[in-house]
Amino acid sequence: MWWLLRIMVLILMWLYLKAIFMVFSVILKKVIIGALSF
């Protein structure tokens, strides 16, 4: 039963990292666009 919990934790970590990466890429795009507009 513990392996099921471990798989769930791994999936949650993967989703968390994906969400952080998406937010980071959006911020990076805004920074690049802002830098180009100056």
N, C-alpha and C. Protein backbone atom coordinates (compact mmCIF):
# COMPACT_ATOMS: atom_id res chain seq x y z
N MET A 1 0.84 -1.21 0.00
CA MET A 1 0.00 0.00 0.00
C MET A 1 0.87 1.26 0.00
N TRP A 2 2.06 1.19 0.59
CA TRP A 2 2.94 2.37 0.67
C TRP A 2 3.39 2.85 -0.70
N TRP A 3 3.51 1.90 -1.66
CA TRP A 3 3.96 2.29 -3.01
C TRP A 3 2.94 3.18 -3.70
N LEU A 4 1.65 2.97 -3.38
CA LEU A 4 0.60 3.81 -3.96
C LEU A 4 0.75 5.25 -3.47
N LEU A 5 1.03 5.39 -2.19
CA LEU A 5 1.25 6.71 -1.60
C LEU A 5 2.48 7.37 -2.23
N ARG A 6 3.51 6.58 -2.45
CA ARG A 6 4.74 7.10 -3.05
C ARG A 6 4.49 7.60 -4.47
N ILE A 7 3.70 6.85 -5.24
CA ILE A 7 3.35 7.25 -6.62
C ILE A 7 2.56 8.56 -6.59
N MET A 8 1.63 8.68 -5.66
CA MET A 8 0.84 9.90 -5.53
C MET A 8 1.72 11.09 -5.21
N VAL A 9 2.68 10.90 -4.31
CA VAL A 9 3.61 11.98 -3.94
C VAL A 9 4.45 12.39 -5.16
N LEU A 10 4.92 11.41 -5.92
CA LEU A 10 5.71 11.71 -7.12
C LEU A 10 4.88 12.49 -8.13
N ILE A 11 3.63 12.11 -8.33
CA ILE A 11 2.74 12.82 -9.27
C ILE A 11 2.51 14.25 -8.79
N LEU A 12 2.28 14.43 -7.50
CA LEU A 12 2.06 15.77 -6.94
C LEU A 12 3.31 16.64 -7.13
N MET A 13 4.49 16.06 -6.89
CA MET A 13 5.74 16.81 -7.08
C MET A 13 5.91 17.21 -8.53
N TRP A 14 5.60 16.29 -9.45
CA TRP A 14 5.72 16.56 -10.89
C TRP A 14 4.78 17.70 -11.29
N LEU A 15 3.53 17.67 -10.81
CA LEU A 15 2.57 18.73 -11.13
C LEU A 15 3.03 20.07 -10.55
N TYR A 16 3.57 20.04 -9.34
CA TYR A 16 4.06 21.24 -8.67
C TYR A 16 5.21 21.87 -9.46
N LEU A 17 6.15 21.03 -9.90
CA LEU A 17 7.28 21.52 -10.69
C LEU A 17 6.80 22.08 -12.04
N LYS A 18 5.83 21.42 -12.67
CA LYS A 18 5.29 21.89 -13.93
C LYS A 18 4.63 23.25 -13.77
N ALA A 19 3.88 23.42 -12.68
CA ALA A 19 3.20 24.70 -12.42
C ALA A 19 4.22 25.81 -12.21
N ILE A 20 5.28 25.54 -11.42
CA ILE A 20 6.33 26.53 -11.19
C ILE A 20 7.01 26.90 -12.50
N PHE A 21 7.30 25.90 -13.33
CA PHE A 21 7.95 26.15 -14.62
C PHE A 21 7.08 27.01 -15.53
N MET A 22 5.77 26.74 -15.55
CA MET A 22 4.85 27.53 -16.38
C MET A 22 4.81 28.98 -15.91
N VAL A 23 4.71 29.20 -14.61
CA VAL A 23 4.68 30.56 -14.05
C VAL A 23 6.00 31.27 -14.37
N PHE A 24 7.12 30.57 -14.21
CA PHE A 24 8.43 31.14 -14.46
C PHE A 24 8.58 31.54 -15.92
N SER A 25 8.11 30.70 -16.85
CA SER A 25 8.22 31.01 -18.28
C SER A 25 7.36 32.22 -18.65
N VAL A 26 6.17 32.34 -18.04
CA VAL A 26 5.30 33.49 -18.30
C VAL A 26 5.97 34.78 -17.82
N ILE A 27 6.55 34.75 -16.62
CA ILE A 27 7.24 35.91 -16.07
C ILE A 27 8.44 36.27 -16.95
N LEU A 28 9.17 35.26 -17.38
CA LEU A 28 10.34 35.48 -18.23
C LEU A 28 9.92 36.14 -19.55
N LYS A 29 8.83 35.69 -20.16
CA LYS A 29 8.33 36.29 -21.40
C LYS A 29 7.97 37.76 -21.18
N LYS A 30 7.30 38.06 -20.08
CA LYS A 30 6.92 39.44 -19.78
C LYS A 30 8.15 40.31 -19.59
N VAL A 31 9.17 39.78 -18.92
CA VAL A 31 10.41 40.53 -18.70
C VAL A 31 11.11 40.81 -20.03
N ILE A 32 11.17 39.79 -20.90
CA ILE A 32 11.81 39.95 -22.21
C ILE A 32 11.05 40.97 -23.06
N ILE A 33 9.73 40.88 -23.08
CA ILE A 33 8.91 41.83 -23.84
C ILE A 33 9.08 43.24 -23.28
N GLY A 34 9.11 43.33 -21.95
CA GLY A 34 9.30 44.64 -21.31
C GLY A 34 10.66 45.23 -21.63
N ALA A 35 11.69 44.39 -21.68
CA ALA A 35 13.04 44.86 -21.98
C ALA A 35 13.14 45.31 -23.45
N LEU A 36 12.45 44.59 -24.35
CA LEU A 36 12.50 44.94 -25.77
C LEU A 36 11.73 46.23 -26.06
N SER A 37 10.70 46.51 -25.28
CA SER A 37 9.88 47.70 -25.53
C SER A 37 10.61 49.00 -25.13
N PHE A 38 11.63 48.91 -24.29
CA PHE A 38 12.36 50.10 -23.86
C PHE A 38 13.36 50.57 -24.90
